[in-house]
Protein backbone atom coordinates (compact mmCIF):
# COMPACT_ATOMS: atom_id res chain seq x y z
CA MET A 1 -176.03 -12.52 69.61
CA ASN A 2 -174.19 -15.43 71.78
CA THR A 3 -177.38 -16.19 73.98
CA PRO A 4 -179.17 -19.54 73.60
CA MET A 5 -182.02 -19.80 71.00
CA THR A 6 -185.38 -21.19 71.53
CA GLN A 7 -187.59 -23.69 69.83
CA THR A 8 -189.15 -20.31 68.05
CA ALA A 9 -185.40 -19.17 67.02
CA LEU A 10 -184.88 -22.44 64.83
CA ILE A 11 -186.06 -20.66 61.03
CA PRO A 12 -184.78 -17.88 59.34
CA PHE A 13 -184.60 -14.02 60.35
CA THR A 14 -188.04 -12.39 58.91
CA GLY A 15 -187.26 -9.26 56.71
CA LYS A 16 -188.40 -6.96 59.72
CA GLU A 17 -186.51 -9.13 62.45
CA TYR A 18 -183.41 -8.86 60.57
CA LEU A 19 -183.75 -5.28 60.02
CA GLU A 20 -184.33 -5.44 63.77
CA SER A 21 -181.33 -7.28 64.35
CA LEU A 22 -178.89 -4.51 63.04
CA ASN A 23 -179.47 -2.41 65.98
CA ASP A 24 -176.59 -4.11 67.99
CA GLY A 25 -174.54 -1.02 68.40
CA ARG A 26 -172.03 -1.80 65.55
CA GLU A 27 -169.54 1.05 64.91
CA VAL A 28 -170.08 1.65 61.27
CA TRP A 29 -168.32 4.83 59.87
CA ILE A 30 -168.93 7.19 56.80
CA TYR A 31 -168.45 10.47 55.76
CA GLY A 32 -166.34 11.15 58.63
CA LYS A 33 -169.52 10.01 60.87
CA LYS A 34 -170.35 7.52 63.52
CA VAL A 35 -173.92 5.84 62.22
CA LYS A 36 -176.61 5.95 64.87
CA ASN A 37 -178.86 3.81 63.07
CA ILE A 38 -177.98 2.03 60.33
CA THR A 39 -181.23 0.65 58.98
CA GLU A 40 -182.33 4.55 58.65
CA HIS A 41 -178.90 5.99 57.59
CA PRO A 42 -179.46 7.20 53.59
CA ALA A 43 -176.36 5.25 53.03
CA PHE A 44 -177.53 1.90 53.84
CA ARG A 45 -181.36 2.41 54.45
CA ASN A 46 -182.54 0.86 51.21
CA SER A 47 -179.65 -1.83 50.60
CA ALA A 48 -180.87 -3.17 54.24
CA ARG A 49 -184.10 -3.74 53.13
CA MET A 50 -183.86 -5.45 49.89
CA ILE A 51 -182.02 -7.79 52.03
CA ALA A 52 -184.98 -7.95 54.34
CA ARG A 53 -186.97 -8.60 51.43
CA MET A 54 -184.37 -11.85 50.59
CA TYR A 55 -185.23 -13.01 54.13
CA ASP A 56 -189.18 -12.84 53.55
CA ALA A 57 -188.71 -14.70 50.53
CA MET A 58 -187.79 -17.68 52.74
CA HIS A 59 -190.96 -17.34 54.65
CA ASP A 60 -193.10 -16.84 51.34
CA PRO A 61 -195.30 -19.82 50.73
CA ALA A 62 -194.50 -19.32 46.80
CA ARG A 63 -191.16 -19.38 47.07
CA ARG A 64 -189.83 -21.34 49.86
CA GLU A 65 -189.85 -24.85 48.78
CA ILE A 66 -187.44 -23.58 46.60
CA LEU A 67 -185.17 -21.89 48.74
CA THR A 68 -185.54 -23.64 52.05
CA ALA A 69 -185.13 -27.30 53.52
CA PRO A 70 -185.82 -29.01 56.71
CA THR A 71 -183.13 -28.50 59.47
CA GLU A 72 -181.70 -31.63 61.90
CA TRP A 73 -183.28 -29.61 64.68
CA GLY A 74 -187.02 -29.07 63.94
CA GLY A 75 -186.55 -25.75 61.54
CA PHE A 76 -185.80 -25.39 58.25
CA THR A 77 -183.05 -22.85 56.75
CA HIS A 78 -181.76 -21.69 53.45
CA ARG A 79 -180.59 -25.02 51.29
CA PHE A 80 -177.19 -23.50 50.17
CA PHE A 81 -176.25 -23.97 54.37
CA GLN A 82 -176.47 -27.27 54.27
CA ALA A 83 -173.95 -30.11 53.00
CA PRO A 84 -175.37 -31.64 50.13
CA HIS A 85 -175.17 -35.84 49.52
CA THR A 86 -176.30 -35.85 46.70
CA VAL A 87 -176.01 -34.28 43.15
CA GLU A 88 -179.76 -33.72 43.41
CA GLN A 89 -179.43 -31.79 46.95
CA GLN A 90 -176.15 -29.74 45.40
CA VAL A 91 -178.84 -29.11 42.42
CA ALA A 92 -181.29 -28.17 44.71
CA SER A 93 -179.19 -25.72 46.88
CA ARG A 94 -178.01 -24.04 43.30
CA ASP A 95 -181.83 -23.41 42.57
CA ALA A 96 -182.28 -21.82 45.74
CA ILE A 97 -178.93 -19.28 45.22
CA ALA A 98 -180.91 -18.30 41.79
CA GLU A 99 -183.71 -17.75 43.41
CA LEU A 100 -182.54 -15.93 45.93
CA GLN A 101 -180.56 -13.82 43.90
CA ARG A 102 -183.52 -12.93 41.57
CA VAL A 103 -184.78 -10.90 44.39
CA GLY A 104 -181.97 -8.46 44.01
CA TYR A 105 -182.04 -8.79 40.27
CA GLY A 106 -178.16 -10.64 40.07
CA TRP A 107 -176.86 -7.25 41.88
CA MET A 108 -176.49 -8.57 45.50
CA GLY A 109 -172.86 -10.75 45.17
CA ARG A 110 -172.53 -10.96 49.33
CA SER A 111 -176.40 -12.06 49.88
CA PRO A 112 -177.31 -13.68 53.01
CA ASP A 113 -176.74 -17.29 51.72
CA TYR A 114 -173.08 -16.18 49.99
CA LYS A 115 -171.49 -17.50 53.17
CA GLY A 116 -173.13 -21.05 53.05
CA SER A 117 -170.24 -21.78 50.67
CA PHE A 118 -168.07 -22.01 53.77
CA LEU A 119 -170.50 -22.97 56.59
CA GLY A 120 -172.17 -25.56 54.55
CA THR A 121 -168.82 -27.46 55.07
CA LEU A 122 -168.29 -27.09 58.72
CA GLY A 123 -170.21 -30.12 59.68
CA ALA A 124 -168.92 -32.67 56.95
CA ASN A 125 -165.02 -31.33 57.48
CA SER A 126 -165.14 -30.28 61.27
CA GLY A 127 -161.92 -32.62 61.35
CA TYR A 128 -159.53 -30.00 59.80
CA TYR A 129 -160.17 -27.36 62.69
CA LYS A 130 -157.71 -29.54 64.82
CA GLY A 131 -158.80 -28.88 68.37
CA TYR A 132 -161.97 -26.58 67.63
CA GLU A 133 -163.60 -29.64 66.18
CA GLU A 134 -166.65 -28.80 68.16
CA ASN A 135 -166.93 -25.46 67.26
CA ALA A 136 -167.05 -26.10 63.97
CA LEU A 137 -170.14 -28.44 64.36
CA ARG A 138 -171.56 -25.54 66.77
CA TRP A 139 -171.36 -23.63 63.99
CA TYR A 140 -172.82 -25.76 61.40
CA ARG A 141 -175.80 -26.12 63.32
CA LYS A 142 -176.61 -22.23 64.49
CA ALA A 143 -175.82 -21.06 60.64
CA GLN A 144 -178.75 -23.03 59.85
CA GLU A 145 -180.74 -22.13 62.84
CA ARG A 146 -181.88 -18.56 61.85
CA THR A 147 -179.75 -18.21 58.37
CA TRP A 148 -177.44 -15.80 59.91
CA TYR A 149 -175.84 -13.14 57.57
CA ILE A 150 -172.24 -13.60 57.72
CA ASN A 151 -169.94 -12.35 55.39
CA HIS A 152 -165.91 -12.81 55.35
CA ALA A 153 -162.95 -10.48 55.41
CA ILE A 154 -159.91 -12.75 54.15
CA MET A 155 -157.99 -10.27 52.50
CA ASN A 156 -155.10 -8.34 53.91
CA ALA A 157 -154.70 -4.48 52.90
CA PRO A 158 -152.50 -4.14 50.32
CA VAL A 159 -149.93 -2.74 52.37
CA ASP A 160 -145.89 -3.24 51.94
CA ARG A 161 -146.54 -6.34 50.26
CA ASN A 162 -142.36 -6.43 49.18
CA LYS A 163 -142.53 -7.19 52.61
CA PRO A 164 -142.60 -10.11 55.27
CA THR A 165 -145.32 -10.65 57.41
CA ALA A 166 -143.09 -9.70 60.61
CA ASP A 167 -142.74 -5.92 59.23
CA THR A 168 -146.04 -5.35 58.90
CA SER A 169 -147.03 -6.55 61.88
CA ASP A 170 -148.79 -3.08 62.93
CA VAL A 171 -151.49 -4.16 59.83
CA TYR A 172 -152.62 -7.63 59.80
CA VAL A 173 -154.78 -9.56 61.98
CA ARG A 174 -152.91 -11.11 64.58
CA VAL A 175 -153.48 -12.00 68.43
CA VAL A 176 -152.58 -9.67 70.84
CA LYS A 177 -153.56 -11.55 73.85
CA GLU A 178 -154.40 -15.15 75.30
CA THR A 179 -156.76 -16.06 78.07
CA ASP A 180 -158.54 -19.11 79.60
CA ALA A 181 -161.54 -17.39 77.93
CA GLY A 182 -160.25 -16.32 74.47
CA ILE A 183 -158.02 -14.53 72.28
CA TYR A 184 -157.95 -10.61 71.70
CA VAL A 185 -156.89 -9.71 68.00
CA SER A 186 -155.86 -6.42 66.63
CA GLY A 187 -155.73 -5.63 62.81
CA ALA A 188 -157.39 -4.88 59.56
CA LYS A 189 -158.78 -6.52 56.68
CA VAL A 190 -160.34 -5.61 53.52
CA VAL A 191 -162.34 -5.93 51.56
CA ALA A 192 -165.18 -6.91 53.91
CA THR A 193 -167.86 -6.61 51.40
CA GLY A 194 -171.48 -6.08 52.74
CA SER A 195 -170.59 -6.55 56.45
CA ALA A 196 -171.96 -3.15 57.97
CA LEU A 197 -175.42 -5.05 57.39
CA THR A 198 -174.04 -8.74 58.80
CA HIS A 199 -174.49 -10.20 61.95
CA TYR A 200 -171.11 -11.66 61.86
CA THR A 201 -167.95 -11.68 59.82
CA PHE A 202 -165.49 -14.65 59.28
CA VAL A 203 -161.85 -13.60 59.68
CA ALA A 204 -159.36 -15.81 57.76
CA HIS A 205 -156.47 -15.62 55.83
CA ALA A 206 -156.25 -16.39 51.81
CA GLY A 207 -153.33 -14.34 50.65
CA GLN A 208 -150.81 -15.41 48.14
CA LEU A 209 -147.94 -14.82 50.72
CA PRO A 210 -147.99 -17.87 53.03
CA ILE A 211 -148.52 -17.10 56.98
CA LYS A 212 -145.35 -17.57 59.12
CA ASP A 213 -145.56 -16.20 62.44
CA PRO A 214 -148.43 -18.10 64.29
CA ALA A 215 -149.79 -15.27 65.70
CA TYR A 216 -151.03 -14.15 62.22
CA SER A 217 -152.95 -17.53 62.12
CA PRO A 218 -156.36 -17.07 64.03
CA ILE A 219 -158.93 -17.89 62.30
CA PHE A 220 -162.72 -17.05 63.85
CA MET A 221 -166.13 -15.78 63.73
CA VAL A 222 -166.60 -12.07 65.26
CA PRO A 223 -169.91 -10.66 65.74
CA THR A 224 -170.31 -7.20 63.81
CA GLY A 225 -171.51 -5.33 66.84
CA ALA A 226 -168.45 -6.60 69.45
CA PRO A 227 -166.65 -4.06 71.20
CA GLY A 228 -163.36 -2.85 68.71
CA VAL A 229 -165.24 -3.77 65.59
CA LYS A 230 -164.92 -0.82 63.56
CA MET A 231 -166.20 -0.48 59.69
CA ILE A 232 -164.89 2.30 57.70
CA SER A 233 -167.26 2.67 54.49
CA ARG A 234 -166.05 3.45 51.28
CA ILE A 235 -168.49 5.85 49.34
CA SER A 236 -172.09 4.92 49.49
CA ASN A 237 -174.01 4.98 45.93
CA GLU A 238 -176.88 4.63 47.48
CA TYR A 239 -176.09 8.02 49.60
CA ARG A 240 -175.39 9.62 46.15
CA ALA A 241 -177.94 8.45 44.78
CA ALA A 242 -180.43 9.77 47.29
CA VAL A 243 -178.80 12.94 47.28
CA LEU A 244 -178.21 13.78 43.38
CA GLY A 245 -181.17 11.64 41.74
CA SER A 246 -184.14 9.58 42.67
CA PRO A 247 -184.53 5.69 42.15
CA PHE A 248 -185.75 6.76 38.53
CA ASP A 249 -182.55 8.02 38.08
CA TYR A 250 -180.59 5.28 39.84
CA PRO A 251 -182.63 2.26 40.23
CA LEU A 252 -180.03 0.20 41.35
CA SER A 253 -177.28 1.74 42.83
CA SER A 254 -180.23 3.67 45.11
CA ARG A 255 -181.24 0.07 46.78
CA LEU A 256 -178.21 -2.57 45.86
CA ASP A 257 -175.01 -0.98 47.19
CA GLU A 258 -173.38 -3.47 49.13
CA ASN A 259 -171.11 -1.29 50.79
CA ASP A 260 -167.20 -2.34 51.01
CA ALA A 261 -165.46 -1.60 54.26
CA ILE A 262 -162.15 -1.86 55.51
CA LEU A 263 -162.99 -4.03 59.07
CA VAL A 264 -160.74 -2.69 61.79
CA LEU A 265 -160.43 -5.01 64.91
CA ASP A 266 -158.64 -3.09 67.85
CA ASN A 267 -157.96 -5.46 70.68
CA VAL A 268 -161.28 -7.52 69.94
CA PHE A 269 -162.32 -10.25 72.02
CA ILE A 270 -163.14 -13.67 70.43
CA PRO A 271 -164.23 -16.19 73.20
CA TRP A 272 -162.83 -19.99 72.38
CA GLU A 273 -166.04 -20.88 70.81
CA ASP A 274 -165.69 -18.59 68.09
CA VAL A 275 -162.50 -19.91 67.30
CA PHE A 276 -161.55 -22.40 64.49
CA VAL A 277 -157.61 -22.13 63.83
CA HIS A 278 -155.06 -20.71 66.81
CA ASN A 279 -151.37 -21.16 66.77
CA ASN A 280 -151.53 -23.12 63.42
CA VAL A 281 -149.76 -21.86 60.44
CA ASP A 282 -150.13 -24.89 58.41
CA LEU A 283 -153.79 -24.59 58.88
CA ALA A 284 -154.27 -21.04 58.15
CA ASN A 285 -152.11 -20.84 54.96
CA ARG A 286 -154.11 -23.94 53.42
CA PHE A 287 -157.47 -22.73 54.54
CA ALA A 288 -158.83 -21.56 51.11
CA PRO A 289 -157.92 -24.69 49.46
CA ASP A 290 -158.94 -27.31 51.97
CA SER A 291 -161.42 -25.71 53.36
CA GLY A 292 -164.03 -26.33 50.80
CA PHE A 293 -164.92 -22.93 50.26
CA ASN A 294 -163.45 -22.29 47.09
CA ASN A 295 -165.57 -24.41 44.55
CA ARG A 296 -168.55 -23.41 46.36
CA ALA A 297 -168.01 -20.29 46.42
CA ALA A 298 -167.82 -20.54 42.54
CA MET A 299 -170.89 -21.83 42.10
CA HIS A 300 -172.68 -19.48 44.06
CA GLY A 301 -170.85 -16.81 42.03
CA CYS A 302 -171.58 -18.08 38.88
CA THR A 303 -174.96 -18.88 39.47
CA ARG A 304 -175.27 -15.06 40.85
CA LEU A 305 -173.62 -13.96 37.70
CA ALA A 306 -175.82 -16.02 35.59
CA VAL A 307 -179.43 -14.35 37.08
CA LYS A 308 -177.46 -10.85 36.53
CA LEU A 309 -176.72 -11.58 33.22
CA ASP A 310 -180.49 -12.49 32.46
CA PHE A 311 -181.21 -9.23 33.79
CA ILE A 312 -178.68 -7.59 32.06
CA CYS A 313 -179.70 -9.13 28.51
CA GLY A 314 -183.51 -8.10 29.08
CA VAL A 315 -182.36 -4.61 29.60
CA LEU A 316 -180.39 -4.51 26.37
CA SER A 317 -182.49 -5.82 24.79
CA LYS A 318 -185.25 -3.49 25.71
CA ALA A 319 -182.89 -0.63 25.20
CA LEU A 320 -182.00 -1.72 21.31
CA ASP A 321 -185.49 -1.79 20.87
CA LEU A 322 -186.00 2.25 22.18
CA THR A 323 -183.21 2.88 19.64
CA GLY A 324 -184.68 1.26 16.80
CA THR A 325 -181.67 -0.71 16.15
CA SER A 326 -182.51 -3.82 17.01
CA ALA A 327 -183.05 -5.53 13.79
CA PHE A 328 -179.51 -4.37 12.65
CA HIS A 329 -177.62 -7.35 11.69
CA GLY A 330 -174.47 -6.11 13.34
CA VAL A 331 -176.29 -5.37 16.68
CA GLN A 332 -178.05 -8.77 16.85
CA SER A 333 -174.66 -10.14 17.00
CA LYS A 334 -173.51 -8.34 19.64
CA LEU A 335 -176.49 -9.03 21.45
CA GLY A 336 -175.99 -12.62 20.75
CA GLU A 337 -172.87 -12.74 21.96
CA VAL A 338 -173.83 -11.29 25.39
CA ILE A 339 -176.42 -13.80 25.44
CA ALA A 340 -173.67 -16.49 24.72
CA TRP A 341 -171.55 -15.12 27.47
CA ARG A 342 -175.08 -15.83 29.70
CA ASN A 343 -175.37 -19.21 28.24
CA THR A 344 -171.90 -19.96 29.12
CA MET A 345 -172.69 -19.19 32.76
CA TRP A 346 -175.36 -20.98 33.24
CA GLY A 347 -173.74 -24.20 31.49
CA LEU A 348 -170.68 -23.92 33.88
CA SER A 349 -173.55 -23.55 37.14
CA ASP A 350 -174.90 -26.81 35.73
CA ALA A 351 -171.77 -28.46 35.39
CA MET A 352 -170.61 -27.45 39.19
CA ALA A 353 -174.12 -28.37 40.42
CA LYS A 354 -174.56 -31.41 38.80
CA SER A 355 -170.83 -32.65 39.75
CA SER A 356 -170.60 -35.68 42.27
CA VAL A 357 -167.16 -35.10 43.78
CA PRO A 358 -166.93 -36.98 46.55
CA TRP A 359 -165.44 -35.04 49.70
CA HIS A 360 -165.94 -35.89 53.31
CA ASN A 361 -168.89 -37.47 52.94
CA MET A 362 -170.85 -34.87 51.01
CA VAL A 363 -170.33 -34.06 47.06
CA GLN A 364 -168.55 -31.04 45.96
CA PRO A 365 -168.56 -28.76 42.48
CA ASP A 366 -166.36 -29.75 40.78
CA ALA A 367 -163.22 -28.05 40.86
CA ARG A 368 -162.49 -27.96 36.85
CA PHE A 369 -166.14 -26.02 36.18
CA ALA A 370 -165.17 -23.68 39.31
CA SER A 371 -161.77 -22.85 38.41
CA ALA A 372 -163.38 -22.24 34.39
CA TYR A 373 -165.89 -19.98 35.98
CA ARG A 374 -163.38 -17.81 37.97
CA VAL A 375 -161.22 -16.99 34.37
CA VAL A 376 -164.20 -16.66 31.95
CA SER A 377 -165.81 -14.46 34.41
CA GLN A 378 -162.99 -12.06 34.37
CA ILE A 379 -163.17 -12.02 30.59
CA ALA A 380 -166.69 -12.04 30.35
CA TYR A 381 -168.18 -9.03 32.06
CA PRO A 382 -165.55 -6.32 30.77
CA SER A 383 -166.75 -7.55 27.18
CA ILE A 384 -170.33 -7.34 28.07
CA LYS A 385 -169.62 -3.89 29.07
CA ASN A 386 -167.82 -3.05 25.92
CA ILE A 387 -170.80 -4.64 24.00
CA ILE A 388 -173.35 -2.36 25.44
CA GLU A 389 -171.05 1.08 25.63
CA THR A 390 -170.36 -0.22 21.70
CA ILE A 391 -174.05 -0.60 20.58
CA VAL A 392 -176.79 1.30 22.57
CA ALA A 393 -173.35 4.39 22.31
CA SER A 394 -174.71 7.78 22.75
CA GLY A 395 -178.20 6.50 23.81
CA LEU A 396 -176.80 5.91 27.30
CA ILE A 397 -176.07 9.62 27.95
CA TYR A 398 -178.86 11.02 25.69
CA LEU A 399 -180.83 11.67 28.37
CA ASN A 400 -181.95 14.58 30.65
CA SER A 401 -180.47 15.16 34.49
CA HIS A 402 -183.62 13.88 37.12
CA ALA A 403 -186.74 12.84 36.93
CA ASP A 404 -188.13 15.86 38.34
CA ASP A 405 -187.44 17.22 34.43
CA PHE A 406 -190.34 15.06 33.86
CA LYS A 407 -192.82 17.36 35.84
CA VAL A 408 -191.77 20.63 34.42
CA PRO A 409 -194.27 21.52 32.25
CA GLU A 410 -191.66 24.18 30.38
CA LEU A 411 -189.42 21.37 29.76
CA ARG A 412 -191.99 18.63 29.16
CA ALA A 413 -193.04 19.08 25.55
CA TYR A 414 -189.25 19.23 24.77
CA LEU A 415 -188.62 16.17 26.43
CA ASP A 416 -191.49 14.39 24.88
CA LYS A 417 -190.31 15.12 21.33
CA TYR A 418 -186.54 14.76 21.56
CA VAL A 419 -185.69 11.66 24.11
CA ARG A 420 -188.40 9.66 23.07
CA GLY A 421 -188.10 6.12 21.92
CA SER A 422 -188.68 4.41 18.95
CA GLY A 423 -191.84 2.22 18.04
CA GLY A 424 -194.26 4.96 19.83
CA VAL A 425 -192.44 4.48 23.31
CA ASP A 426 -192.60 7.82 24.92
CA ALA A 427 -189.67 9.87 26.34
CA GLU A 428 -190.27 8.68 30.34
CA ALA A 429 -190.06 5.00 29.46
CA ARG A 430 -187.30 5.56 27.17
CA VAL A 431 -185.35 7.51 29.94
CA LYS A 432 -186.37 5.03 32.51
CA THR A 433 -185.04 1.92 30.53
CA MET A 434 -181.48 3.60 29.52
CA LYS A 435 -181.03 5.22 33.26
CA LEU A 436 -181.31 1.64 34.34
CA LEU A 437 -178.84 0.15 31.86
CA TRP A 438 -176.81 3.42 32.66
CA ASP A 439 -176.76 2.43 36.25
CA ALA A 440 -175.72 -1.00 35.49
CA ILE A 441 -172.78 0.01 33.42
CA GLY A 442 -171.80 3.47 33.81
CA THR A 443 -172.34 4.89 37.12
CA GLU A 444 -169.78 4.24 39.88
CA PHE A 445 -172.09 1.60 41.08
CA GLY A 446 -171.47 -0.13 37.83
CA ALA A 447 -167.64 0.37 37.56
CA ARG A 448 -167.36 -1.24 41.07
CA HIS A 449 -169.29 -4.40 39.84
CA GLU A 450 -167.19 -4.65 36.82
CA LEU A 451 -163.86 -4.59 39.51
CA TYR A 452 -165.90 -6.96 41.41
CA GLU A 453 -166.56 -9.72 38.98
CA ILE A 454 -162.59 -9.11 38.04
CA ASN A 455 -161.06 -9.71 40.93
CA TYR A 456 -163.81 -11.18 43.99
CA LEU A 457 -162.16 -14.61 43.37
CA GLY A 458 -158.91 -13.72 42.80
CA SER A 459 -156.37 -12.20 40.97
CA ASN A 460 -155.80 -12.58 37.14
CA ASP A 461 -152.66 -14.89 37.80
CA VAL A 462 -154.14 -16.83 40.84
CA THR A 463 -157.12 -17.52 38.49
CA ARG A 464 -155.50 -18.90 35.61
CA LEU A 465 -152.80 -20.72 37.60
CA ALA A 466 -155.77 -22.88 39.84
CA ASN A 467 -156.71 -24.24 36.37
CA LEU A 468 -153.06 -25.37 35.63
CA TYR A 469 -153.00 -26.69 39.39
CA ASP A 470 -155.99 -28.62 38.81
CA ALA A 471 -155.19 -29.94 35.97
CA GLN A 472 -151.93 -31.08 37.06
CA ASN A 473 -153.30 -32.64 40.08
CA SER A 474 -156.10 -34.00 38.93
CA GLY A 475 -153.80 -36.38 35.86
CA ASP A 476 -155.72 -34.26 33.12
CA LEU A 477 -152.69 -32.09 31.99
CA ALA A 478 -150.94 -35.64 32.16
CA ASN A 479 -153.48 -37.40 29.89
CA MET A 480 -153.86 -34.38 27.64
CA LYS A 481 -150.28 -34.62 26.95
CA ALA A 482 -150.26 -38.13 26.39
CA PHE A 483 -153.36 -37.56 23.93
CA ALA A 484 -150.68 -35.53 22.14
CA ASP A 485 -148.18 -38.30 22.00
CA ARG A 486 -150.60 -40.97 20.62
CA CYS A 487 -150.81 -38.78 17.60
CA MET A 488 -147.06 -38.20 17.34
CA SER A 489 -146.55 -41.64 17.63
CA ASP A 490 -148.03 -42.54 14.43
CA TYR A 491 -145.04 -41.04 12.83
CA ASP A 492 -141.33 -40.19 12.71
CA ILE A 493 -139.09 -38.43 10.06
CA ASN A 494 -139.10 -41.65 7.89
CA GLY A 495 -143.04 -41.28 7.71
CA TRP A 496 -145.90 -43.17 9.19
CA THR A 497 -145.03 -45.75 11.99
CA VAL A 498 -148.39 -47.50 11.82
CA PRO A 499 -149.27 -50.15 9.52
CA ASP A 500 -152.43 -48.83 8.27
CA LEU A 501 -151.29 -45.56 7.07
CA ILE A 502 -149.54 -45.16 3.55
CA ASN A 503 -146.54 -43.68 3.51
CA ASN A 504 -145.85 -40.88 0.52
CA ASP A 505 -142.94 -42.45 -1.32
CA ASP A 506 -144.34 -43.07 -4.38
CA VAL A 507 -146.07 -39.65 -5.04
CA SER A 508 -143.30 -37.48 -3.01
CA VAL A 509 -141.76 -35.21 -5.44
CA LEU A 510 -138.83 -35.16 -3.15
CA ARG A 511 -138.27 -38.89 -2.80
CA THR A 512 -139.01 -39.48 -6.18
CA ARG A 513 -136.58 -37.36 -8.43
């Protein structure tokens, strides 16, 4: 994977090339067994093929202009992998995010372009990685040359959080050996979303507790198939859908399950050229706010959620038509509320994309809108789920068990009569829509997505504190307090203190008696 690339390699993978590239000996475990061929395993195969669709989209003449831009090195790449120098370029990168998300209907958060939130900063911000500046510049180019699928693992395992880092040395990622060629690392990171289907994982620190020991400070890139890298996968929604259902029954979970894994590094060798930070506690602790990653990740997440809500609004509206309730005033108001949340996400996405905040000779999304999205999304998604459960109600589970039920003549007549939709819609069409909506919010796949939207950009405390700190650091909070003070300066206990307002001494019952 680190071999020199030819001129023909200066463009993104095709879908076929992407699938072939996953055959690199990676060590992925699920259900007590090591996966032999990840692109054919029922836990991963269709999700991998949906990602392949995303790579093919970058070669599609109808989409290529929206999705890609020429590189400095003669090829082209996804727009989000490049540092925007103008608002127009930043808006174009946002539009590219949205277009790629439409391939997966907004349900693939860790899409191949996601890590552009970090990789796109490496050219402009290479100076941050003191001693490893050339590595940052090299990866800025390398990432673009094939639009590598790169994920991150930045959270420590929630183990012994009440203890200092030194007391959990058997858990956290740390340097165990240093050589002339590179470093050896051991430890684990969670949750490595989508990592089983990526080419590389970027490992860093973004916890609330600061690192104190330099051994725990490395920031680096590691190939998914590197010796000693092990991924222990959670339950596969795709596998369960294949065993217990069909695409008709689980249309989302059967193909859009970005499996979350425990990333284990067992004495893994990292060559110096893939290291960004080493023996530098200060840089490691400041990575999240200072790397430029946070605000760009928020723009990606907000845009992805906006596309997802486009999809949810469409399915919800269809479901209400099928129940015959779409004309009810109360139901309409709740659908309008969901649409309002959808509009909010597109509005915040626009605000971030159209920001012109200067940052290391590039522009960045405004931190205020990025921080607002991180809070609002945590409120919005559970609220939307609750609305759907309230207004669609039993329609979500008033469903037969499997697509095969429709193929049984003995059952078909009953299904056609008792499970049909309103407005002349037949049972098969109604059930198809309702199962899609149930897979979105009611299955384990749907529950995982709710958890993702609530937590993936930080805990509730962290996201809210970010808004406070942004307001404090920018001077906005001081200005808001000054605004309140200006109002309060107009009066005191004796009345108005300004000449243009008239005191009430002449009409006050307390002062005229």
